[in-house]
Amino acid sequence: MNEPILKLELPGIKKVRSGKVREVFDLGDRFLLVASDRISAFDVIMPNGIPRKGEVLTQISHFWFEKFAALVPNHLLAGANDPLPKNLQPFAAQLARRSMIVKKAKPLAIECIVRGYLSGSGWKEYKKSQTVCGIKLPAGLTESAELPEPIFTPSTKAEEGHDENINFEQACKIVGTELATQARDLSLKIYKAGRDYARQRGIIIADTKFEFGLCSGDASSPNQLILIDEVLTPDSSRFWPADQYAPGKSQPSFDKQFVRDYLETLTWDKTPPGPQLPEDVVAKTSAKYLEAYEKLTGKKL
């Protein structure tokens, strides 16, 4: 199995940010985003990564950005198979299939989450109050049930710790009513289009998180809202195999399930440092990410 890429340094290219998974480099008038093979669970980055995970996340995002280009403008400046600029060519082996050259944009200060099914923190809140992020839902829904209509449930962006679920009114206070409305409407539109397509390919997208940013457009639209970061990947969404879907319980998934399940068997207290993942957990997780890509795109990576 390929060695996972955990850390990326590109000598002579300025790194501006290192997230849980992505490294962001400044190319002057644009950014280079590179997805590593790091994996986090319970907000802790594990010491060993998942081979090819960064490739899968990047290639799935490229796939959706291209698919939705007519639906919403996005930050891509180069296609998945475009050659690298000259100054990045020495790093071609490290960047292959895991990098995106993108417009610079100022991210909105909210996470744009859409839920089509009742799971995770939404299910916990529903059991207590029959609401999700303050949105009243019908009585009698079970865990993993499909909602009558997808709902927009934004959250804050926490620098440290967990994001907090907020209602739409709070989102309007943070970014302004016009932007919050635009982000909500686009999020629901993209989610529905992605959900309908994925369902035909045997994947249920239960919920997802979108990122939007403001980018300086032309004189007629000085600040354009565009789709940024990653789109409908197993890291930003819950992917369930459609042929195993059975509401009333939690579902098997295409993401970090093997990692989470393994960690739940340990006496680890879910604070850093994370424990070393065994080889079989790493191999199964890598296979799941690759399977998600193949199911969605109909191609092998």
C-alpha atoms as a PDB file:
ATOM      1  CA  MET A   1       0.000   0.000   0.000  1.00  0.00           C
ATOM      2  CA  ASN A   2       1.242   3.552  -0.749  1.00  0.00           C
ATOM      3  CA  GLU A   3       2.784   5.446   2.148  1.00  0.00           C
ATOM      4  CA  PRO A   4       0.364   8.140   3.363  1.00  0.00           C
ATOM      5  CA  ILE A   5       1.435  11.767   2.908  1.00  0.00           C
ATOM      6  CA  LEU A   6       1.086  13.428   6.301  1.00  0.00           C
ATOM      7  CA  LYS A   7       3.117  16.625   5.982  1.00  0.00           C
ATOM      8  CA  LEU A   8       3.744  18.779   2.943  1.00  0.00           C
ATOM      9  CA  GLU A   9       6.498  21.322   2.597  1.00  0.00           C
ATOM     10  CA  LEU A  10       7.199  22.984  -0.752  1.00  0.00           C
ATOM     11  CA  PRO A  11      10.523  24.852  -0.372  1.00  0.00           C
ATOM     12  CA  GLY A  12      10.246  28.359  -1.816  1.00  0.00           C
ATOM     13  CA  ILE A  13       6.403  28.304  -1.776  1.00  0.00           C
ATOM     14  CA  LYS A  14       4.871  30.115   1.200  1.00  0.00           C
ATOM     15  CA  LYS A  15       2.522  28.052   3.358  1.00  0.00           C
ATOM     16  CA  VAL A  16      -0.264  30.170   4.870  1.00  0.00           C
ATOM     17  CA  ARG A  17      -2.299  27.601   6.751  1.00  0.00           C
ATOM     18  CA  SER A  18      -2.263  24.028   7.868  1.00  0.00           C
ATOM     19  CA  GLY A  19      -5.706  22.586   8.692  1.00  0.00           C
ATOM     20  CA  LYS A  20      -6.691  19.140   9.940  1.00  0.00           C
ATOM     21  CA  VAL A  21      -6.312  17.753   6.426  1.00  0.00           C
ATOM     22  CA  ARG A  22      -5.410  20.568   4.009  1.00  0.00           C
ATOM     23  CA  GLU A  23      -2.294  22.667   3.518  1.00  0.00           C
ATOM     24  CA  VAL A  24      -2.799  26.108   1.924  1.00  0.00           C
ATOM     25  CA  PHE A  25       0.063  27.727  -0.027  1.00  0.00           C
ATOM     26  CA  ASP A  26       0.150  31.296  -1.379  1.00  0.00           C
ATOM     27  CA  LEU A  27       0.898  31.577  -5.103  1.00  0.00           C
ATOM     28  CA  GLY A  28       0.511  35.370  -5.175  1.00  0.00           C
ATOM     29  CA  ASP A  29      -2.827  36.008  -6.884  1.00  0.00           C
ATOM     30  CA  ARG A  30      -4.161  32.522  -6.087  1.00  0.00           C
ATOM     31  CA  PHE A  31      -3.946  29.723  -3.536  1.00  0.00           C
ATOM     32  CA  LEU A  32      -2.723  26.152  -3.843  1.00  0.00           C
ATOM     33  CA  LEU A  33      -4.777  23.736  -1.707  1.00  0.00           C
ATOM     34  CA  VAL A  34      -3.206  20.359  -1.039  1.00  0.00           C
ATOM     35  CA  ALA A  35      -5.104  17.551   0.713  1.00  0.00           C
ATOM     36  CA  SER A  36      -2.850  15.399   2.891  1.00  0.00           C
ATOM     37  CA  ASP A  37      -3.695  11.858   4.012  1.00  0.00           C
ATOM     38  CA  ARG A  38      -4.177  12.952   7.624  1.00  0.00           C
ATOM     39  CA  ILE A  39      -7.317  11.743   9.338  1.00  0.00           C
ATOM     40  CA  SER A  40      -8.971  13.216  12.407  1.00  0.00           C
ATOM     41  CA  ALA A  41     -11.602  11.672  14.645  1.00  0.00           C
ATOM     42  CA  PHE A  42     -13.305  13.374  17.585  1.00  0.00           C
ATOM     43  CA  ASP A  43     -11.379  16.520  16.520  1.00  0.00           C
ATOM     44  CA  VAL A  44      -7.997  14.836  17.092  1.00  0.00           C
ATOM     45  CA  ILE A  45      -5.546  14.153  14.242  1.00  0.00           C
ATOM     46  CA  MET A  46      -4.318  10.550  14.296  1.00  0.00           C
ATOM     47  CA  PRO A  47      -0.542   9.938  14.160  1.00  0.00           C
ATOM     48  CA  ASN A  48      -0.767   7.765  11.030  1.00  0.00           C
ATOM     49  CA  GLY A  49      -2.846   8.615   7.996  1.00  0.00           C
ATOM     50  CA  ILE A  50      -4.976   6.880   5.378  1.00  0.00           C
ATOM     51  CA  PRO A  51      -3.124   6.256   2.079  1.00  0.00           C
ATOM     52  CA  ARG A  52      -4.678   8.041  -0.945  1.00  0.00           C
ATOM     53  CA  LYS A  53      -7.356   9.764   1.163  1.00  0.00           C
ATOM     54  CA  GLY A  54      -6.168  13.214   0.009  1.00  0.00           C
ATOM     55  CA  GLU A  55      -6.389  12.117  -3.628  1.00  0.00           C
ATOM     56  CA  VAL A  56      -9.960  10.901  -3.123  1.00  0.00           C
ATOM     57  CA  LEU A  57     -11.092  14.134  -1.418  1.00  0.00           C
ATOM     58  CA  THR A  58      -9.521  16.310  -4.113  1.00  0.00           C
ATOM     59  CA  GLN A  59     -10.772  14.278  -7.073  1.00  0.00           C
ATOM     60  CA  ILE A  60     -14.336  14.016  -5.703  1.00  0.00           C
ATOM     61  CA  SER A  61     -14.323  17.809  -5.183  1.00  0.00           C
ATOM     62  CA  HIS A  62     -13.057  18.369  -8.748  1.00  0.00           C
ATOM     63  CA  PHE A  63     -15.842  16.088  -9.983  1.00  0.00           C
ATOM     64  CA  TRP A  64     -18.601  18.039  -8.191  1.00  0.00           C
ATOM     65  CA  PHE A  65     -17.146  21.507  -8.942  1.00  0.00           C
ATOM     66  CA  GLU A  66     -17.239  20.661 -12.636  1.00  0.00           C
ATOM     67  CA  LYS A  67     -20.679  19.038 -12.395  1.00  0.00           C
ATOM     68  CA  PHE A  68     -22.201  22.056 -10.612  1.00  0.00           C
ATOM     69  CA  ALA A  69     -20.351  24.792 -12.527  1.00  0.00           C
ATOM     70  CA  ALA A  70     -23.608  26.010 -14.101  1.00  0.00           C
ATOM     71  CA  LEU A  71     -25.413  25.886 -10.737  1.00  0.00           C
ATOM     72  CA  VAL A  72     -22.983  27.959  -8.657  1.00  0.00           C
ATOM     73  CA  PRO A  73     -19.665  29.740  -9.350  1.00  0.00           C
ATOM     74  CA  ASN A  74     -16.686  28.133  -7.570  1.00  0.00           C
ATOM     75  CA  HIS A  75     -13.063  28.809  -6.740  1.00  0.00           C
ATOM     76  CA  LEU A  76     -11.376  26.399  -9.204  1.00  0.00           C
ATOM     77  CA  LEU A  77      -8.857  27.996 -11.561  1.00  0.00           C
ATOM     78  CA  ALA A  78      -7.496  24.773 -13.041  1.00  0.00           C
ATOM     79  CA  GLY A  79      -9.078  21.461 -13.994  1.00  0.00           C
ATOM     80  CA  ALA A  80      -8.126  18.119 -12.451  1.00  0.00           C
ATOM     81  CA  ASN A  81      -5.834  17.209 -15.380  1.00  0.00           C
ATOM     82  CA  ASP A  82      -4.367  20.636 -16.197  1.00  0.00           C
ATOM     83  CA  PRO A  83      -0.559  20.858 -16.037  1.00  0.00           C
ATOM     84  CA  LEU A  84       0.978  22.484 -12.964  1.00  0.00           C
ATOM     85  CA  PRO A  85       2.473  25.985 -13.216  1.00  0.00           C
ATOM     86  CA  LYS A  86       6.250  25.979 -13.779  1.00  0.00           C
ATOM     87  CA  ASN A  87       7.185  26.843 -10.175  1.00  0.00           C
ATOM     88  CA  LEU A  88       5.193  23.830  -8.881  1.00  0.00           C
ATOM     89  CA  GLN A  89       6.498  21.273 -11.395  1.00  0.00           C
ATOM     90  CA  PRO A  90       9.452  20.219  -9.159  1.00  0.00           C
ATOM     91  CA  PHE A  91       6.820  19.054  -6.631  1.00  0.00           C
ATOM     92  CA  ALA A  92       4.652  17.194  -9.179  1.00  0.00           C
ATOM     93  CA  ALA A  93       4.994  13.811  -7.442  1.00  0.00           C
ATOM     94  CA  GLN A  94       3.789  15.199  -4.089  1.00  0.00           C
ATOM     95  CA  LEU A  95       0.965  17.227  -5.639  1.00  0.00           C
ATOM     96  CA  ALA A  96      -0.344  14.656  -8.131  1.00  0.00           C
ATOM     97  CA  ARG A  97      -4.144  14.234  -7.840  1.00  0.00           C
ATOM     98  CA  ARG A  98      -4.262  15.908  -4.408  1.00  0.00           C
ATOM     99  CA  SER A  99      -3.949  19.624  -5.248  1.00  0.00           C
ATOM    100  CA  MET A 100      -6.229  22.409  -6.467  1.00  0.00           C
ATOM    101  CA  ILE A 101      -5.279  25.868  -7.726  1.00  0.00           C
ATOM    102  CA  VAL A 102      -8.024  28.222  -6.613  1.00  0.00           C
ATOM    103  CA  LYS A 103      -9.140  31.839  -6.440  1.00  0.00           C
ATOM    104  CA  LYS A 104      -8.482  33.754  -3.265  1.00  0.00           C
ATOM    105  CA  ALA A 105     -11.734  34.274  -1.375  1.00  0.00           C
ATOM    106  CA  LYS A 106     -12.753  35.481   2.057  1.00  0.00           C
ATOM    107  CA  PRO A 107     -14.615  32.562   3.702  1.00  0.00           C
ATOM    108  CA  LEU A 108     -18.041  33.265   5.231  1.00  0.00           C
ATOM    109  CA  ALA A 109     -17.939  33.124   9.029  1.00  0.00           C
ATOM    110  CA  ILE A 110     -20.554  30.328   9.128  1.00  0.00           C
ATOM    111  CA  GLU A 111     -20.547  26.667   8.144  1.00  0.00           C
ATOM    112  CA  CYS A 112     -23.380  25.917   5.696  1.00  0.00           C
ATOM    113  CA  ILE A 113     -24.815  22.548   6.706  1.00  0.00           C
ATOM    114  CA  VAL A 114     -27.689  20.790   4.957  1.00  0.00           C
ATOM    115  CA  ARG A 115     -29.363  17.727   6.467  1.00  0.00           C
ATOM    116  CA  GLY A 116     -31.554  15.410   4.423  1.00  0.00           C
ATOM    117  CA  TYR A 117     -31.666  12.650   7.051  1.00  0.00           C
ATOM    118  CA  LEU A 118     -31.861  12.581  10.837  1.00  0.00           C
ATOM    119  CA  SER A 119     -28.438  11.641  12.188  1.00  0.00           C
ATOM    120  CA  GLY A 120     -25.617  12.731  14.492  1.00  0.00           C
ATOM    121  CA  SER A 121     -26.214  15.874  16.562  1.00  0.00           C
ATOM    122  CA  GLY A 122     -29.526  16.413  14.700  1.00  0.00           C
ATOM    123  CA  TRP A 123     -30.885  13.093  15.969  1.00  0.00           C
ATOM    124  CA  LYS A 124     -29.752  13.890  19.532  1.00  0.00           C
ATOM    125  CA  GLU A 125     -31.550  17.258  19.465  1.00  0.00           C
ATOM    126  CA  TYR A 126     -34.671  15.775  17.836  1.00  0.00           C
ATOM    127  CA  LYS A 127     -35.022  13.172  20.630  1.00  0.00           C
ATOM    128  CA  LYS A 128     -34.963  15.966  23.226  1.00  0.00           C
ATOM    129  CA  SER A 129     -37.119  18.614  21.563  1.00  0.00           C
ATOM    130  CA  GLN A 130     -38.444  17.386  18.175  1.00  0.00           C
ATOM    131  CA  THR A 131     -36.320  20.121  16.558  1.00  0.00           C
ATOM    132  CA  VAL A 132     -33.011  20.358  14.708  1.00  0.00           C
ATOM    133  CA  CYS A 133     -31.228  23.710  15.106  1.00  0.00           C
ATOM    134  CA  GLY A 134     -34.552  25.120  16.250  1.00  0.00           C
ATOM    135  CA  ILE A 135     -36.438  23.848  13.157  1.00  0.00           C
ATOM    136  CA  LYS A 136     -39.591  21.971  14.218  1.00  0.00           C
ATOM    137  CA  LEU A 137     -39.877  18.536  12.597  1.00  0.00           C
ATOM    138  CA  PRO A 138     -42.780  16.052  12.420  1.00  0.00           C
ATOM    139  CA  ALA A 139     -43.288  13.720  15.401  1.00  0.00           C
ATOM    140  CA  GLY A 140     -42.405  10.030  15.225  1.00  0.00           C
ATOM    141  CA  LEU A 141     -39.241  10.188  13.112  1.00  0.00           C
ATOM    142  CA  THR A 142     -36.630   7.492  13.780  1.00  0.00           C
ATOM    143  CA  GLU A 143     -32.826   7.658  13.688  1.00  0.00           C
ATOM    144  CA  SER A 144     -31.530   7.948  10.082  1.00  0.00           C
ATOM    145  CA  ALA A 145     -35.044   8.703   8.766  1.00  0.00           C
ATOM    146  CA  GLU A 146     -35.242  10.794   5.603  1.00  0.00           C
ATOM    147  CA  LEU A 147     -36.613  14.260   6.380  1.00  0.00           C
ATOM    148  CA  PRO A 148     -39.710  15.460   4.492  1.00  0.00           C
ATOM    149  CA  GLU A 149     -37.507  18.193   2.960  1.00  0.00           C
ATOM    150  CA  PRO A 150     -33.769  18.904   3.419  1.00  0.00           C
ATOM    151  CA  ILE A 151     -33.114  21.595   6.048  1.00  0.00           C
ATOM    152  CA  PHE A 152     -30.408  24.259   6.321  1.00  0.00           C
ATOM    153  CA  THR A 153     -28.770  24.119   9.754  1.00  0.00           C
ATOM    154  CA  PRO A 154     -25.786  26.476   9.926  1.00  0.00           C
ATOM    155  CA  SER A 155     -23.121  26.440  12.601  1.00  0.00           C
ATOM    156  CA  THR A 156     -20.410  28.730  13.909  1.00  0.00           C
ATOM    157  CA  LYS A 157     -16.787  28.234  12.896  1.00  0.00           C
ATOM    158  CA  ALA A 158     -14.744  27.494  15.981  1.00  0.00           C
ATOM    159  CA  GLU A 159     -11.006  28.168  15.883  1.00  0.00           C
ATOM    160  CA  GLU A 160     -10.669  25.752  18.791  1.00  0.00           C
ATOM    161  CA  GLY A 161     -12.975  22.900  19.832  1.00  0.00           C
ATOM    162  CA  HIS A 162     -16.355  22.176  18.282  1.00  0.00           C
ATOM    163  CA  ASP A 163     -18.506  24.303  15.973  1.00  0.00           C
ATOM    164  CA  GLU A 164     -21.853  25.209  17.524  1.00  0.00           C
ATOM    165  CA  ASN A 165     -25.202  24.723  15.801  1.00  0.00           C
ATOM    166  CA  ILE A 166     -27.091  28.002  15.359  1.00  0.00           C
ATOM    167  CA  ASN A 167     -30.442  28.958  13.863  1.00  0.00           C
ATOM    168  CA  PHE A 168     -30.910  30.925  10.648  1.00  0.00           C
ATOM    169  CA  GLU A 169     -31.578  34.195  12.514  1.00  0.00           C
ATOM    170  CA  GLN A 170     -28.204  33.899  14.269  1.00  0.00           C
ATOM    171  CA  ALA A 171     -26.520  33.178  10.915  1.00  0.00           C
ATOM    172  CA  CYS A 172     -28.089  36.398   9.561  1.00  0.00           C
ATOM    173  CA  LYS A 173     -26.639  38.347  12.491  1.00  0.00           C
ATOM    174  CA  ILE A 174     -23.147  36.938  11.816  1.00  0.00           C
ATOM    175  CA  VAL A 175     -22.914  37.430   8.021  1.00  0.00           C
ATOM    176  CA  GLY A 176     -25.905  39.658   7.187  1.00  0.00           C
ATOM    177  CA  THR A 177     -29.363  38.634   5.992  1.00  0.00           C
ATOM    178  CA  GLU A 178     -28.638  38.915   2.270  1.00  0.00           C
ATOM    179  CA  LEU A 179     -25.525  36.699   2.337  1.00  0.00           C
ATOM    180  CA  ALA A 180     -27.071  34.201   4.761  1.00  0.00           C
ATOM    181  CA  THR A 181     -30.136  33.861   2.494  1.00  0.00           C
ATOM    182  CA  GLN A 182     -27.994  33.467  -0.612  1.00  0.00           C
ATOM    183  CA  ALA A 183     -25.795  30.834   1.112  1.00  0.00           C
ATOM    184  CA  ARG A 184     -28.848  28.950   2.407  1.00  0.00           C
ATOM    185  CA  ASP A 185     -30.586  28.855  -0.987  1.00  0.00           C
ATOM    186  CA  LEU A 186     -27.427  27.749  -2.803  1.00  0.00           C
ATOM    187  CA  SER A 187     -26.639  25.110  -0.153  1.00  0.00           C
ATOM    188  CA  LEU A 188     -30.090  23.540  -0.488  1.00  0.00           C
ATOM    189  CA  LYS A 189     -29.934  23.653  -4.294  1.00  0.00           C
ATOM    190  CA  ILE A 190     -26.477  22.002  -4.474  1.00  0.00           C
ATOM    191  CA  TYR A 191     -27.331  19.407  -1.836  1.00  0.00           C
ATOM    192  CA  LYS A 192     -30.520  18.337  -3.646  1.00  0.00           C
ATOM    193  CA  ALA A 193     -28.715  18.050  -6.989  1.00  0.00           C
ATOM    194  CA  GLY A 194     -25.853  16.085  -5.409  1.00  0.00           C
ATOM    195  CA  ARG A 195     -28.178  13.851  -3.367  1.00  0.00           C
ATOM    196  CA  ASP A 196     -30.277  12.950  -6.422  1.00  0.00           C
ATOM    197  CA  TYR A 197     -27.219  12.124  -8.523  1.00  0.00           C
ATOM    198  CA  ALA A 198     -25.486  10.111  -5.752  1.00  0.00           C
ATOM    199  CA  ARG A 199     -28.639   8.107  -5.067  1.00  0.00           C
ATOM    200  CA  GLN A 200     -28.573   6.830  -8.659  1.00  0.00           C
ATOM    201  CA  ARG A 201     -24.982   5.711  -8.013  1.00  0.00           C
ATOM    202  CA  GLY A 202     -25.849   3.764  -4.859  1.00  0.00           C
ATOM    203  CA  ILE A 203     -24.856   6.387  -2.281  1.00  0.00           C
ATOM    204  CA  ILE A 204     -27.142   8.240   0.114  1.00  0.00           C
ATOM    205  CA  ILE A 205     -25.734  11.647   1.078  1.00  0.00           C
ATOM    206  CA  ALA A 206     -27.362  12.052   4.475  1.00  0.00           C
ATOM    207  CA  ASP A 207     -25.981  15.499   5.241  1.00  0.00           C
ATOM    208  CA  THR A 208     -23.134  17.747   4.191  1.00  0.00           C
ATOM    209  CA  LYS A 209     -21.204  20.909   4.949  1.00  0.00           C
ATOM    210  CA  PHE A 210     -20.497  23.559   2.310  1.00  0.00           C
ATOM    211  CA  GLU A 211     -18.067  26.455   2.496  1.00  0.00           C
ATOM    212  CA  PHE A 212     -18.698  29.702   0.656  1.00  0.00           C
ATOM    213  CA  GLY A 213     -16.393  32.662   0.225  1.00  0.00           C
ATOM    214  CA  LEU A 214     -16.530  36.187  -1.148  1.00  0.00           C
ATOM    215  CA  CYS A 215     -14.270  36.826  -4.073  1.00  0.00           C
ATOM    216  CA  SER A 216     -13.736  40.122  -5.838  1.00  0.00           C
ATOM    217  CA  GLY A 217     -15.557  39.774  -9.150  1.00  0.00           C
ATOM    218  CA  ASP A 218     -15.815  42.445 -11.833  1.00  0.00           C
ATOM    219  CA  ALA A 219     -17.149  46.010 -11.512  1.00  0.00           C
ATOM    220  CA  SER A 220     -20.771  44.837 -11.804  1.00  0.00           C
ATOM    221  CA  SER A 221     -20.410  42.334  -8.935  1.00  0.00           C
ATOM    222  CA  PRO A 222     -17.501  43.460  -6.737  1.00  0.00           C
ATOM    223  CA  ASN A 223     -18.161  40.737  -4.174  1.00  0.00           C
ATOM    224  CA  GLN A 224     -19.311  37.431  -5.615  1.00  0.00           C
ATOM    225  CA  LEU A 225     -20.342  34.506  -3.398  1.00  0.00           C
ATOM    226  CA  ILE A 226     -18.570  31.371  -4.609  1.00  0.00           C
ATOM    227  CA  LEU A 227     -18.357  27.740  -3.507  1.00  0.00           C
ATOM    228  CA  ILE A 228     -14.936  26.973  -1.983  1.00  0.00           C
ATOM    229  CA  ASP A 229     -12.963  24.290  -0.107  1.00  0.00           C
ATOM    230  CA  GLU A 230     -14.270  20.736  -0.725  1.00  0.00           C
ATOM    231  CA  VAL A 231     -17.659  19.583  -1.988  1.00  0.00           C
ATOM    232  CA  LEU A 232     -19.743  16.525  -1.067  1.00  0.00           C
ATOM    233  CA  THR A 233     -16.777  14.371  -0.024  1.00  0.00           C
ATOM    234  CA  PRO A 234     -16.804  11.588   2.597  1.00  0.00           C
ATOM    235  CA  ASP A 235     -15.030  14.063   4.944  1.00  0.00           C
ATOM    236  CA  SER A 236     -17.573  16.881   4.605  1.00  0.00           C
ATOM    237  CA  SER A 237     -20.662  14.643   4.343  1.00  0.00           C
ATOM    238  CA  ARG A 238     -22.207  11.438   5.623  1.00  0.00           C
ATOM    239  CA  PHE A 239     -22.176   8.902   2.777  1.00  0.00           C
ATOM    240  CA  TRP A 240     -24.278   5.779   3.354  1.00  0.00           C
ATOM    241  CA  PRO A 241     -24.467   2.726   1.047  1.00  0.00           C
ATOM    242  CA  ALA A 242     -28.007   2.863  -0.384  1.00  0.00           C
ATOM    243  CA  ASP A 243     -28.337  -0.939  -0.586  1.00  0.00           C
ATOM    244  CA  GLN A 244     -27.827  -1.248   3.194  1.00  0.00           C
ATOM    245  CA  TYR A 245     -30.045   1.678   4.236  1.00  0.00           C
ATOM    246  CA  ALA A 246     -32.374   0.754   7.101  1.00  0.00           C
ATOM    247  CA  PRO A 247     -33.862   3.613   9.157  1.00  0.00           C
ATOM    248  CA  GLY A 248     -34.277   3.160  12.908  1.00  0.00           C
ATOM    249  CA  LYS A 249     -30.553   2.813  13.695  1.00  0.00           C
ATOM    250  CA  SER A 250     -27.188   4.294  12.748  1.00  0.00           C
ATOM    251  CA  GLN A 251     -25.986   3.414   9.229  1.00  0.00           C
ATOM    252  CA  PRO A 252     -22.757   1.953   7.854  1.00  0.00           C
ATOM    253  CA  SER A 253     -20.823   4.659   6.008  1.00  0.00           C
ATOM    254  CA  PHE A 254     -18.090   5.446   3.499  1.00  0.00           C
ATOM    255  CA  ASP A 255     -15.963   7.615   5.729  1.00  0.00           C
ATOM    256  CA  LYS A 256     -14.147   7.333   9.038  1.00  0.00           C
ATOM    257  CA  GLN A 257     -16.441   4.652  10.418  1.00  0.00           C
ATOM    258  CA  PHE A 258     -13.742   1.984  10.846  1.00  0.00           C
ATOM    259  CA  VAL A 259     -11.517   4.547  12.582  1.00  0.00           C
ATOM    260  CA  ARG A 260     -14.272   5.743  14.937  1.00  0.00           C
ATOM    261  CA  ASP A 261     -15.431   2.191  15.696  1.00  0.00           C
ATOM    262  CA  TYR A 262     -11.873   1.146  16.541  1.00  0.00           C
ATOM    263  CA  LEU A 263     -11.274   4.206  18.751  1.00  0.00           C
ATOM    264  CA  GLU A 264     -14.505   3.520  20.670  1.00  0.00           C
ATOM    265  CA  THR A 265     -13.045   0.147  21.763  1.00  0.00           C
ATOM    266  CA  LEU A 266     -10.060   1.861  23.448  1.00  0.00           C
ATOM    267  CA  THR A 267      -9.740   3.489  26.849  1.00  0.00           C
ATOM    268  CA  TRP A 268      -8.445   6.632  25.070  1.00  0.00           C
ATOM    269  CA  ASP A 269      -9.988   9.856  26.464  1.00  0.00           C
ATOM    270  CA  LYS A 270     -10.395  11.532  23.020  1.00  0.00           C
ATOM    271  CA  THR A 271      -7.778  14.200  23.708  1.00  0.00           C
ATOM    272  CA  PRO A 272      -4.443  14.569  21.833  1.00  0.00           C
ATOM    273  CA  PRO A 273      -2.292  12.736  21.084  1.00  0.00           C
ATOM    274  CA  GLY A 274      -4.378  10.236  19.146  1.00  0.00           C
ATOM    275  CA  PRO A 275      -3.482   6.529  19.236  1.00  0.00           C
ATOM    276  CA  GLN A 276      -1.695   4.755  16.378  1.00  0.00           C
ATOM    277  CA  LEU A 277      -4.231   3.110  14.036  1.00  0.00           C
ATOM    278  CA  PRO A 278      -3.717  -0.606  13.266  1.00  0.00           C
ATOM    279  CA  GLU A 279      -2.898  -1.634   9.684  1.00  0.00           C
ATOM    280  CA  ASP A 280      -6.234  -3.390   9.058  1.00  0.00           C
ATOM    281  CA  VAL A 281      -8.232  -0.292  10.142  1.00  0.00           C
ATOM    282  CA  VAL A 282      -6.077   1.885   7.862  1.00  0.00           C
ATOM    283  CA  ALA A 283      -6.474  -0.528   4.906  1.00  0.00           C
ATOM    284  CA  LYS A 284     -10.268  -0.837   5.307  1.00  0.00           C
ATOM    285  CA  THR A 285     -10.677   2.941   5.615  1.00  0.00           C
ATOM    286  CA  SER A 286      -8.536   3.583   2.521  1.00  0.00           C
ATOM    287  CA  ALA A 287     -10.616   1.034   0.570  1.00  0.00           C
ATOM    288  CA  LYS A 288     -13.863   2.763   1.645  1.00  0.00           C
ATOM    289  CA  TYR A 289     -12.657   6.193   0.462  1.00  0.00           C
ATOM    290  CA  LEU A 290     -11.614   4.722  -2.908  1.00  0.00           C
ATOM    291  CA  GLU A 291     -14.949   2.896  -3.212  1.00  0.00           C
ATOM    292  CA  ALA A 292     -16.829   6.174  -2.637  1.00  0.00           C
ATOM    293  CA  TYR A 293     -14.883   7.804  -5.499  1.00  0.00           C
ATOM    294  CA  GLU A 294     -15.476   4.867  -7.846  1.00  0.00           C
ATOM    295  CA  LYS A 295     -19.202   4.646  -7.086  1.00  0.00           C
ATOM    296  CA  LEU A 296     -19.745   8.366  -7.602  1.00  0.00           C
ATOM    297  CA  THR A 297     -17.664   8.871 -10.723  1.00  0.00           C
ATOM    298  CA  GLY A 298     -17.828   5.435 -12.326  1.00  0.00           C
ATOM    299  CA  LYS A 299     -13.999   5.568 -12.668  1.00  0.00           C
ATOM    300  CA  LYS A 300     -11.052   4.022 -10.861  1.00  0.00           C
ATOM    301  CA  LEU A 301      -8.561   6.429  -9.268  1.00  0.00           C
END
